[in-house]
Amino acid sequence: MRGFVRKAGSIRRILPINERLWAKFDLLRTLVRRDLEARYKGSVLGNLWPLLNQLSQLLIYTYVFSTVLKVKLTTLKGLPANDFTFGLWLFAGLLPWIAFTGGLMQSANSVLGQPNLVKKVVFPLTLLPLVPVLSTFIESSFGLMALIFFVAVNTHTLHATLALLPLVWLTQLLLTAGLGYLAAGLTVFLRDIPQTLGMILNIWFYVTPLVYPASAIPEQWRTLVFWLNPIAAIAEVYRDIVLVGEVKHWGEWGVSSLIAVVVFFGGLWCYRRLRPAFADVL
């Protein structure tokens, strides 16, 4: 931690960012750390719980879709065609989905759950929806490290494409934060938003090729699914980067990044427009 603080100090001297933004960054970092500590405070396994939850979902989906429903994959470069490879493929797609849905659902209640902070004039309310988004993203990184380890053991190699992960993380974070801002702002005035969001995400899960291969989608619909569903493209790019070592979905990734940028600034704009009325409602 001390090393990180020293590094942050040196970065501050290099980047042309004013002290006000650095103060917000420090506050956001503190809020995320406290959120993560509060989630598993007093539990025996502590920070292992996120990984265990992700692995439990992996085992369930692998059993249902590989063993029961006999879903088959096309051969992945460098990986044998067996149930373990199917599990790795499934996990690579589920990781961004788990981080996306977890961050989005929790951010929907981020303003509603902090009435005391909302009524403080000096508190930067823009940070509230970002806290659960970043906390859930950090939790998903435990699963990602486990996935990279298993792939490395199975293939005896670490793909150079792993260096591209920060870029796909940026797309994922912008998309999640943008929708999180929108959901958090609207939930203050419409308390049905989280329940509605849960229903939408259930449908979204099954129209996204996460637990079945994209080749199972009728060809006339496949392009439409990838170009209009940014999380589908993000999941496929995760698989390209971690499992195959070759990005095959550059176009879909580019479109999803563009959508993520539009969603982020659109969500932030709506949130800022609604923010002045938060204190009156809460």
C-alpha atoms as a PDB file:
ATOM      1  CA  MET A   1       0.000   0.000   0.000  1.00  0.00           C
ATOM      2  CA  ARG A   2       2.822   2.417   0.882  1.00  0.00           C
ATOM      3  CA  GLY A   3       4.496   1.674  -2.432  1.00  0.00           C
ATOM      4  CA  PHE A   4       1.253   2.430  -4.219  1.00  0.00           C
ATOM      5  CA  VAL A   5       0.938   5.762  -2.386  1.00  0.00           C
ATOM      6  CA  ARG A   6       4.492   6.734  -3.361  1.00  0.00           C
ATOM      7  CA  LYS A   7       3.785   5.756  -6.977  1.00  0.00           C
ATOM      8  CA  ALA A   8       0.584   7.805  -6.929  1.00  0.00           C
ATOM      9  CA  GLY A   9       2.583  10.768  -5.652  1.00  0.00           C
ATOM     10  CA  SER A  10       5.072  10.493  -8.513  1.00  0.00           C
ATOM     11  CA  ILE A  11       2.221  10.143 -11.035  1.00  0.00           C
ATOM     12  CA  ARG A  12       0.668  13.328  -9.649  1.00  0.00           C
ATOM     13  CA  ARG A  13       3.825  15.263 -10.463  1.00  0.00           C
ATOM     14  CA  ILE A  14       3.759  13.979 -14.069  1.00  0.00           C
ATOM     15  CA  LEU A  15       0.077  14.251 -15.019  1.00  0.00           C
ATOM     16  CA  PRO A  16      -1.390  17.730 -15.649  1.00  0.00           C
ATOM     17  CA  ILE A  17      -4.391  17.169 -13.343  1.00  0.00           C
ATOM     18  CA  ASN A  18      -5.407  19.761 -10.776  1.00  0.00           C
ATOM     19  CA  GLU A  19      -5.508  19.079  -7.037  1.00  0.00           C
ATOM     20  CA  ARG A  20      -9.311  19.161  -6.916  1.00  0.00           C
ATOM     21  CA  LEU A  21      -9.540  16.100  -9.177  1.00  0.00           C
ATOM     22  CA  TRP A  22      -6.793  14.350  -7.213  1.00  0.00           C
ATOM     23  CA  ALA A  23      -8.770  14.994  -4.012  1.00  0.00           C
ATOM     24  CA  LYS A  24     -11.836  13.346  -5.586  1.00  0.00           C
ATOM     25  CA  PHE A  25      -9.700  10.421  -6.721  1.00  0.00           C
ATOM     26  CA  ASP A  26      -8.365   9.979  -3.168  1.00  0.00           C
ATOM     27  CA  LEU A  27     -11.896  10.124  -1.758  1.00  0.00           C
ATOM     28  CA  LEU A  28     -13.141   7.584  -4.327  1.00  0.00           C
ATOM     29  CA  ARG A  29     -10.254   5.247  -3.492  1.00  0.00           C
ATOM     30  CA  THR A  30     -11.079   5.497   0.222  1.00  0.00           C
ATOM     31  CA  LEU A  31     -14.788   4.836  -0.387  1.00  0.00           C
ATOM     32  CA  VAL A  32     -14.043   1.772  -2.541  1.00  0.00           C
ATOM     33  CA  ARG A  33     -11.643   0.383   0.064  1.00  0.00           C
ATOM     34  CA  ARG A  34     -14.207   0.853   2.837  1.00  0.00           C
ATOM     35  CA  ASP A  35     -16.930  -0.731   0.692  1.00  0.00           C
ATOM     36  CA  LEU A  36     -14.784  -3.794   0.040  1.00  0.00           C
ATOM     37  CA  GLU A  37     -13.838  -4.092   3.717  1.00  0.00           C
ATOM     38  CA  ALA A  38     -17.473  -3.748   4.817  1.00  0.00           C
ATOM     39  CA  ARG A  39     -18.710  -6.485   2.461  1.00  0.00           C
ATOM     40  CA  TYR A  40     -16.829  -9.296   4.182  1.00  0.00           C
ATOM     41  CA  LYS A  41     -16.136  -7.798   7.588  1.00  0.00           C
ATOM     42  CA  GLY A  42     -16.244 -10.500  10.270  1.00  0.00           C
ATOM     43  CA  SER A  43     -16.437 -13.407   7.813  1.00  0.00           C
ATOM     44  CA  VAL A  44     -13.936 -16.246   8.151  1.00  0.00           C
ATOM     45  CA  LEU A  45     -12.995 -16.478   4.469  1.00  0.00           C
ATOM     46  CA  GLY A  46     -13.004 -12.709   3.890  1.00  0.00           C
ATOM     47  CA  ASN A  47     -11.876 -11.702   0.391  1.00  0.00           C
ATOM     48  CA  LEU A  48     -12.010 -15.317  -0.808  1.00  0.00           C
ATOM     49  CA  TRP A  49     -15.813 -15.070  -1.015  1.00  0.00           C
ATOM     50  CA  PRO A  50     -15.924 -13.250  -4.381  1.00  0.00           C
ATOM     51  CA  LEU A  51     -13.757 -15.953  -5.947  1.00  0.00           C
ATOM     52  CA  LEU A  52     -15.817 -18.741  -4.348  1.00  0.00           C
ATOM     53  CA  ASN A  53     -19.061 -17.173  -5.589  1.00  0.00           C
ATOM     54  CA  GLN A  54     -17.703 -16.885  -9.123  1.00  0.00           C
ATOM     55  CA  LEU A  55     -16.409 -20.468  -9.097  1.00  0.00           C
ATOM     56  CA  SER A  56     -19.747 -21.770  -7.784  1.00  0.00           C
ATOM     57  CA  GLN A  57     -21.562 -20.101 -10.705  1.00  0.00           C
ATOM     58  CA  LEU A  58     -18.975 -21.560 -13.055  1.00  0.00           C
ATOM     59  CA  LEU A  59     -19.562 -25.113 -11.743  1.00  0.00           C
ATOM     60  CA  ILE A  60     -23.348 -24.780 -11.999  1.00  0.00           C
ATOM     61  CA  TYR A  61     -23.345 -23.398 -15.541  1.00  0.00           C
ATOM     62  CA  THR A  62     -20.689 -25.902 -16.682  1.00  0.00           C
ATOM     63  CA  TYR A  63     -22.772 -28.802 -15.345  1.00  0.00           C
ATOM     64  CA  VAL A  64     -26.039 -27.521 -16.843  1.00  0.00           C
ATOM     65  CA  PHE A  65     -24.801 -26.450 -20.266  1.00  0.00           C
ATOM     66  CA  SER A  66     -21.931 -28.886 -20.875  1.00  0.00           C
ATOM     67  CA  THR A  67     -23.102 -32.069 -19.121  1.00  0.00           C
ATOM     68  CA  VAL A  68     -26.911 -31.797 -19.192  1.00  0.00           C
ATOM     69  CA  LEU A  69     -27.626 -29.743 -22.331  1.00  0.00           C
ATOM     70  CA  LYS A  70     -24.520 -30.991 -24.226  1.00  0.00           C
ATOM     71  CA  VAL A  71     -23.575 -27.563 -25.594  1.00  0.00           C
ATOM     72  CA  LYS A  72     -20.520 -27.988 -27.846  1.00  0.00           C
ATOM     73  CA  LEU A  73     -17.818 -25.487 -28.780  1.00  0.00           C
ATOM     74  CA  THR A  74     -15.832 -25.138 -31.933  1.00  0.00           C
ATOM     75  CA  THR A  75     -12.205 -26.062 -31.247  1.00  0.00           C
ATOM     76  CA  LEU A  76     -10.267 -23.329 -29.457  1.00  0.00           C
ATOM     77  CA  LYS A  77      -6.714 -22.770 -30.637  1.00  0.00           C
ATOM     78  CA  GLY A  78      -4.221 -24.496 -28.305  1.00  0.00           C
ATOM     79  CA  LEU A  79      -6.879 -25.965 -25.995  1.00  0.00           C
ATOM     80  CA  PRO A  80      -8.172 -29.567 -25.970  1.00  0.00           C
ATOM     81  CA  ALA A  81     -11.896 -30.147 -26.603  1.00  0.00           C
ATOM     82  CA  ASN A  82     -13.148 -31.291 -23.201  1.00  0.00           C
ATOM     83  CA  ASP A  83     -15.337 -30.148 -20.303  1.00  0.00           C
ATOM     84  CA  PHE A  84     -12.453 -28.310 -18.610  1.00  0.00           C
ATOM     85  CA  THR A  85     -11.922 -26.169 -21.717  1.00  0.00           C
ATOM     86  CA  PHE A  86     -15.667 -25.518 -21.835  1.00  0.00           C
ATOM     87  CA  GLY A  87     -15.439 -24.344 -18.204  1.00  0.00           C
ATOM     88  CA  LEU A  88     -12.564 -21.980 -19.040  1.00  0.00           C
ATOM     89  CA  TRP A  89     -14.483 -20.630 -22.038  1.00  0.00           C
ATOM     90  CA  LEU A  90     -17.600 -20.186 -19.922  1.00  0.00           C
ATOM     91  CA  PHE A  91     -15.688 -18.464 -17.118  1.00  0.00           C
ATOM     92  CA  ALA A  92     -14.024 -16.017 -19.545  1.00  0.00           C
ATOM     93  CA  GLY A  93     -17.483 -14.893 -20.704  1.00  0.00           C
ATOM     94  CA  LEU A  94     -19.114 -14.863 -17.295  1.00  0.00           C
ATOM     95  CA  LEU A  95     -16.451 -12.722 -15.587  1.00  0.00           C
ATOM     96  CA  PRO A  96     -17.303  -9.438 -17.370  1.00  0.00           C
ATOM     97  CA  TRP A  97     -21.011 -10.228 -17.054  1.00  0.00           C
ATOM     98  CA  ILE A  98     -20.774 -10.797 -13.277  1.00  0.00           C
ATOM     99  CA  ALA A  99     -18.846  -7.538 -12.819  1.00  0.00           C
ATOM    100  CA  PHE A 100     -21.260  -5.670 -15.108  1.00  0.00           C
ATOM    101  CA  THR A 101     -24.499  -6.859 -13.480  1.00  0.00           C
ATOM    102  CA  GLY A 102     -23.137  -6.692  -9.920  1.00  0.00           C
ATOM    103  CA  GLY A 103     -21.898  -3.132 -10.346  1.00  0.00           C
ATOM    104  CA  LEU A 104     -25.051  -2.003 -12.126  1.00  0.00           C
ATOM    105  CA  MET A 105     -27.508  -3.498  -9.627  1.00  0.00           C
ATOM    106  CA  GLN A 106     -25.645  -2.112  -6.623  1.00  0.00           C
ATOM    107  CA  SER A 107     -25.163   1.330  -8.135  1.00  0.00           C
ATOM    108  CA  ALA A 108     -28.940   1.605  -8.637  1.00  0.00           C
ATOM    109  CA  ASN A 109     -29.341   1.965  -4.855  1.00  0.00           C
ATOM    110  CA  SER A 110     -26.110   3.874  -4.246  1.00  0.00           C
ATOM    111  CA  VAL A 111     -27.781   7.287  -3.832  1.00  0.00           C
ATOM    112  CA  LEU A 112     -30.898   5.993  -2.114  1.00  0.00           C
ATOM    113  CA  GLY A 113     -28.771   4.229   0.509  1.00  0.00           C
ATOM    114  CA  GLN A 114     -26.746   7.322   1.434  1.00  0.00           C
ATOM    115  CA  PRO A 115     -29.285  10.038   2.436  1.00  0.00           C
ATOM    116  CA  ASN A 116     -26.856  11.588   4.935  1.00  0.00           C
ATOM    117  CA  LEU A 117     -24.183  12.100   2.267  1.00  0.00           C
ATOM    118  CA  VAL A 118     -26.729  13.429  -0.226  1.00  0.00           C
ATOM    119  CA  LYS A 119     -27.758  16.199   2.183  1.00  0.00           C
ATOM    120  CA  LYS A 120     -24.153  17.331   2.678  1.00  0.00           C
ATOM    121  CA  VAL A 121     -23.513  20.276   0.413  1.00  0.00           C
ATOM    122  CA  VAL A 122     -19.782  19.604   0.028  1.00  0.00           C
ATOM    123  CA  PHE A 123     -19.891  15.880  -0.768  1.00  0.00           C
ATOM    124  CA  PRO A 124     -19.275  15.040  -4.466  1.00  0.00           C
ATOM    125  CA  LEU A 125     -22.345  12.931  -5.261  1.00  0.00           C
ATOM    126  CA  THR A 126     -20.888  11.962  -8.628  1.00  0.00           C
ATOM    127  CA  LEU A 127     -18.709   9.431  -6.813  1.00  0.00           C
ATOM    128  CA  LEU A 128     -21.540   7.425  -5.221  1.00  0.00           C
ATOM    129  CA  PRO A 129     -22.524   5.227  -8.231  1.00  0.00           C
ATOM    130  CA  LEU A 130     -18.844   4.634  -9.055  1.00  0.00           C
ATOM    131  CA  VAL A 131     -18.100   2.975  -5.697  1.00  0.00           C
ATOM    132  CA  PRO A 132     -20.067  -0.290  -6.244  1.00  0.00           C
ATOM    133  CA  VAL A 133     -19.025  -0.375  -9.911  1.00  0.00           C
ATOM    134  CA  LEU A 134     -15.325  -0.297  -8.989  1.00  0.00           C
ATOM    135  CA  SER A 135     -15.721  -2.603  -5.970  1.00  0.00           C
ATOM    136  CA  THR A 136     -17.424  -5.286  -8.048  1.00  0.00           C
ATOM    137  CA  PHE A 137     -14.861  -4.865 -10.807  1.00  0.00           C
ATOM    138  CA  ILE A 138     -12.014  -5.387  -8.315  1.00  0.00           C
ATOM    139  CA  GLU A 139     -13.767  -8.489  -6.954  1.00  0.00           C
ATOM    140  CA  SER A 140     -14.014  -9.922 -10.477  1.00  0.00           C
ATOM    141  CA  SER A 141     -10.257  -9.527 -10.859  1.00  0.00           C
ATOM    142  CA  PHE A 142      -9.761 -12.427  -8.414  1.00  0.00           C
ATOM    143  CA  GLY A 143     -11.634 -14.690 -10.830  1.00  0.00           C
ATOM    144  CA  LEU A 144      -9.691 -13.289 -13.777  1.00  0.00           C
ATOM    145  CA  MET A 145      -6.371 -14.092 -12.105  1.00  0.00           C
ATOM    146  CA  ALA A 146      -7.582 -17.647 -11.453  1.00  0.00           C
ATOM    147  CA  LEU A 147      -8.679 -17.961 -15.099  1.00  0.00           C
ATOM    148  CA  ILE A 148      -5.303 -16.760 -16.421  1.00  0.00           C
ATOM    149  CA  PHE A 149      -3.546 -19.213 -14.078  1.00  0.00           C
ATOM    150  CA  PHE A 150      -5.628 -22.194 -15.275  1.00  0.00           C
ATOM    151  CA  VAL A 151      -5.143 -21.257 -18.942  1.00  0.00           C
ATOM    152  CA  ALA A 152      -1.388 -20.880 -18.414  1.00  0.00           C
ATOM    153  CA  VAL A 153      -1.177 -24.285 -16.709  1.00  0.00           C
ATOM    154  CA  ASN A 154      -3.268 -25.930 -19.433  1.00  0.00           C
ATOM    155  CA  THR A 155      -1.505 -24.385 -22.444  1.00  0.00           C
ATOM    156  CA  HIS A 156       1.956 -23.754 -20.897  1.00  0.00           C
ATOM    157  CA  THR A 157       1.906 -20.213 -22.238  1.00  0.00           C
ATOM    158  CA  LEU A 158       0.858 -16.673 -21.364  1.00  0.00           C
ATOM    159  CA  HIS A 159      -0.620 -14.899 -24.352  1.00  0.00           C
ATOM    160  CA  ALA A 160       0.854 -11.512 -25.267  1.00  0.00           C
ATOM    161  CA  THR A 161      -2.715 -10.313 -25.849  1.00  0.00           C
ATOM    162  CA  LEU A 162      -3.149 -10.121 -22.063  1.00  0.00           C
ATOM    163  CA  ALA A 163      -1.530  -6.695 -22.378  1.00  0.00           C
ATOM    164  CA  LEU A 164      -4.785  -5.557 -24.042  1.00  0.00           C
ATOM    165  CA  LEU A 165      -6.890  -6.305 -20.969  1.00  0.00           C
ATOM    166  CA  PRO A 166      -6.781  -2.713 -19.609  1.00  0.00           C
ATOM    167  CA  LEU A 167      -8.367  -1.504 -22.852  1.00  0.00           C
ATOM    168  CA  VAL A 168     -11.303  -3.895 -22.649  1.00  0.00           C
ATOM    169  CA  TRP A 169     -11.622  -3.064 -18.919  1.00  0.00           C
ATOM    170  CA  LEU A 170     -12.018   0.585 -19.907  1.00  0.00           C
ATOM    171  CA  THR A 171     -14.873  -0.284 -22.276  1.00  0.00           C
ATOM    172  CA  GLN A 172     -16.512  -2.426 -19.596  1.00  0.00           C
ATOM    173  CA  LEU A 173     -16.156   0.228 -16.873  1.00  0.00           C
ATOM    174  CA  LEU A 174     -17.510   3.039 -19.057  1.00  0.00           C
ATOM    175  CA  LEU A 175     -20.567   0.958 -19.985  1.00  0.00           C
ATOM    176  CA  THR A 176     -21.248  -0.123 -16.390  1.00  0.00           C
ATOM    177  CA  ALA A 177     -20.674   3.341 -14.917  1.00  0.00           C
ATOM    178  CA  GLY A 178     -22.864   5.041 -17.531  1.00  0.00           C
ATOM    179  CA  LEU A 179     -25.809   2.727 -16.909  1.00  0.00           C
ATOM    180  CA  GLY A 180     -25.056   2.920 -13.168  1.00  0.00           C
ATOM    181  CA  TYR A 181     -25.359   6.722 -13.219  1.00  0.00           C
ATOM    182  CA  LEU A 182     -28.661   6.469 -15.069  1.00  0.00           C
ATOM    183  CA  ALA A 183     -30.080   3.793 -12.735  1.00  0.00           C
ATOM    184  CA  ALA A 184     -28.874   5.594  -9.563  1.00  0.00           C
ATOM    185  CA  GLY A 185     -30.444   8.897 -10.593  1.00  0.00           C
ATOM    186  CA  LEU A 186     -33.760   7.420 -11.691  1.00  0.00           C
ATOM    187  CA  THR A 187     -34.099   5.166  -8.620  1.00  0.00           C
ATOM    188  CA  VAL A 188     -34.302   8.209  -6.345  1.00  0.00           C
ATOM    189  CA  PHE A 189     -37.583   9.153  -8.036  1.00  0.00           C
ATOM    190  CA  LEU A 190     -38.814   5.746  -9.270  1.00  0.00           C
ATOM    191  CA  ARG A 191     -38.258   3.045  -6.650  1.00  0.00           C
ATOM    192  CA  ASP A 192     -39.254   0.304  -9.121  1.00  0.00           C
ATOM    193  CA  ILE A 193     -36.055   0.778 -11.130  1.00  0.00           C
ATOM    194  CA  PRO A 194     -33.931  -1.924  -9.348  1.00  0.00           C
ATOM    195  CA  GLN A 195     -36.671  -4.557  -9.739  1.00  0.00           C
ATOM    196  CA  THR A 196     -37.196  -3.604 -13.388  1.00  0.00           C
ATOM    197  CA  LEU A 197     -33.448  -3.715 -13.919  1.00  0.00           C
ATOM    198  CA  GLY A 198     -33.318  -7.252 -12.500  1.00  0.00           C
ATOM    199  CA  MET A 199     -35.903  -8.420 -15.051  1.00  0.00           C
ATOM    200  CA  ILE A 200     -34.118  -6.705 -17.926  1.00  0.00           C
ATOM    201  CA  LEU A 201     -30.781  -8.266 -16.928  1.00  0.00           C
ATOM    202  CA  ASN A 202     -32.340 -11.743 -16.825  1.00  0.00           C
ATOM    203  CA  ILE A 203     -33.488 -11.342 -20.426  1.00  0.00           C
ATOM    204  CA  TRP A 204     -30.188  -9.687 -21.384  1.00  0.00           C
ATOM    205  CA  PHE A 205     -28.259 -12.687 -19.990  1.00  0.00           C
ATOM    206  CA  TYR A 206     -29.975 -15.201 -22.268  1.00  0.00           C
ATOM    207  CA  VAL A 207     -29.820 -13.076 -25.438  1.00  0.00           C
ATOM    208  CA  THR A 208     -26.048 -12.694 -24.913  1.00  0.00           C
ATOM    209  CA  PRO A 209     -23.808 -15.602 -26.028  1.00  0.00           C
ATOM    210  CA  LEU A 210     -22.316 -16.216 -22.582  1.00  0.00           C
ATOM    211  CA  VAL A 211     -23.356 -19.801 -21.826  1.00  0.00           C
ATOM    212  CA  TYR A 212     -23.700 -20.888 -25.441  1.00  0.00           C
ATOM    213  CA  PRO A 213     -21.413 -20.164 -28.416  1.00  0.00           C
ATOM    214  CA  ALA A 214     -22.212 -17.307 -30.776  1.00  0.00           C
ATOM    215  CA  SER A 215     -22.391 -19.883 -33.597  1.00  0.00           C
ATOM    216  CA  ALA A 216     -25.664 -21.117 -32.022  1.00  0.00           C
ATOM    217  CA  ILE A 217     -27.327 -17.793 -32.925  1.00  0.00           C
ATOM    218  CA  PRO A 218     -29.002 -17.826 -36.377  1.00  0.00           C
ATOM    219  CA  GLU A 219     -26.613 -16.223 -38.840  1.00  0.00           C
ATOM    220  CA  GLN A 220     -29.040 -13.474 -39.850  1.00  0.00           C
ATOM    221  CA  TRP A 221     -29.254 -12.351 -36.190  1.00  0.00           C
ATOM    222  CA  ARG A 222     -25.640 -12.888 -35.148  1.00  0.00           C
ATOM    223  CA  THR A 223     -24.247  -9.632 -36.510  1.00  0.00           C
ATOM    224  CA  LEU A 224     -27.116  -7.677 -34.999  1.00  0.00           C
ATOM    225  CA  VAL A 225     -26.544  -9.239 -31.564  1.00  0.00           C
ATOM    226  CA  PHE A 226     -22.856  -8.318 -31.575  1.00  0.00           C
ATOM    227  CA  TRP A 227     -23.255  -4.796 -32.909  1.00  0.00           C
ATOM    228  CA  LEU A 228     -26.151  -3.826 -30.638  1.00  0.00           C
ATOM    229  CA  ASN A 229     -25.144  -5.722 -27.496  1.00  0.00           C
ATOM    230  CA  PRO A 230     -21.845  -4.301 -26.174  1.00  0.00           C
ATOM    231  CA  ILE A 231     -21.509  -6.874 -23.391  1.00  0.00           C
ATOM    232  CA  ALA A 232     -21.578  -9.680 -26.019  1.00  0.00           C
ATOM    233  CA  ALA A 233     -18.603  -8.108 -27.773  1.00  0.00           C
ATOM    234  CA  ILE A 234     -16.783  -7.540 -24.461  1.00  0.00           C
ATOM    235  CA  ALA A 235     -17.246 -11.200 -23.446  1.00  0.00           C
ATOM    236  CA  GLU A 236     -15.941 -12.424 -26.822  1.00  0.00           C
ATOM    237  CA  VAL A 237     -12.914 -10.117 -26.594  1.00  0.00           C
ATOM    238  CA  TYR A 238     -12.173 -11.490 -23.100  1.00  0.00           C
ATOM    239  CA  ARG A 239     -12.179 -14.992 -24.634  1.00  0.00           C
ATOM    240  CA  ASP A 240      -9.988 -13.877 -27.530  1.00  0.00           C
ATOM    241  CA  ILE A 241      -7.451 -12.226 -25.223  1.00  0.00           C
ATOM    242  CA  VAL A 242      -7.232 -14.801 -22.424  1.00  0.00           C
ATOM    243  CA  LEU A 243      -7.967 -18.118 -24.152  1.00  0.00           C
ATOM    244  CA  VAL A 244      -7.007 -17.822 -27.820  1.00  0.00           C
ATOM    245  CA  GLY A 245      -4.264 -15.193 -27.776  1.00  0.00           C
ATOM    246  CA  GLU A 246      -5.656 -13.498 -30.873  1.00  0.00           C
ATOM    247  CA  VAL A 247      -8.303 -10.762 -31.080  1.00  0.00           C
ATOM    248  CA  LYS A 248     -10.890 -11.766 -33.693  1.00  0.00           C
ATOM    249  CA  HIS A 249     -13.544  -9.212 -32.852  1.00  0.00           C
ATOM    250  CA  TRP A 250     -11.857  -5.846 -33.430  1.00  0.00           C
ATOM    251  CA  GLY A 251     -14.870  -4.359 -35.216  1.00  0.00           C
ATOM    252  CA  GLU A 252     -17.366  -5.444 -32.565  1.00  0.00           C
ATOM    253  CA  TRP A 253     -14.987  -4.202 -29.836  1.00  0.00           C
ATOM    254  CA  GLY A 254     -14.698  -0.810 -31.538  1.00  0.00           C
ATOM    255  CA  VAL A 255     -18.476  -0.437 -31.809  1.00  0.00           C
ATOM    256  CA  SER A 256     -18.996  -1.554 -28.199  1.00  0.00           C
ATOM    257  CA  SER A 257     -16.377   0.987 -27.063  1.00  0.00           C
ATOM    258  CA  LEU A 258     -18.187   3.729 -28.959  1.00  0.00           C
ATOM    259  CA  ILE A 259     -21.508   2.679 -27.398  1.00  0.00           C
ATOM    260  CA  ALA A 260     -19.860   2.580 -23.941  1.00  0.00           C
ATOM    261  CA  VAL A 261     -18.567   6.158 -24.341  1.00  0.00           C
ATOM    262  CA  VAL A 262     -22.001   7.402 -25.444  1.00  0.00           C
ATOM    263  CA  VAL A 263     -23.714   5.514 -22.590  1.00  0.00           C
ATOM    264  CA  PHE A 264     -21.230   6.869 -20.034  1.00  0.00           C
ATOM    265  CA  PHE A 265     -21.619  10.524 -20.954  1.00  0.00           C
ATOM    266  CA  GLY A 266     -25.375  10.129 -21.474  1.00  0.00           C
ATOM    267  CA  GLY A 267     -25.796   8.508 -18.050  1.00  0.00           C
ATOM    268  CA  LEU A 268     -23.578  11.102 -16.382  1.00  0.00           C
ATOM    269  CA  TRP A 269     -25.511  13.928 -18.030  1.00  0.00           C
ATOM    270  CA  CYS A 270     -28.870  12.541 -16.803  1.00  0.00           C
ATOM    271  CA  TYR A 271     -27.447  12.015 -13.299  1.00  0.00           C
ATOM    272  CA  ARG A 272     -26.187  15.598 -13.100  1.00  0.00           C
ATOM    273  CA  ARG A 273     -29.541  16.926 -14.311  1.00  0.00           C
ATOM    274  CA  LEU A 274     -31.401  14.971 -11.602  1.00  0.00           C
ATOM    275  CA  ARG A 275     -28.867  15.565  -8.804  1.00  0.00           C
ATOM    276  CA  PRO A 276     -30.154  18.958  -7.559  1.00  0.00           C
ATOM    277  CA  ALA A 277     -33.484  17.353  -6.572  1.00  0.00           C
ATOM    278  CA  PHE A 278     -32.022  14.361  -4.678  1.00  0.00           C
ATOM    279  CA  ALA A 279     -32.032  16.080  -1.274  1.00  0.00           C
ATOM    280  CA  ASP A 280     -35.675  17.172  -1.677  1.00  0.00           C
ATOM    281  CA  VAL A 281     -36.857  13.589  -2.289  1.00  0.00           C
ATOM    282  CA  LEU A 282     -34.656  11.883   0.311  1.00  0.00           C
END
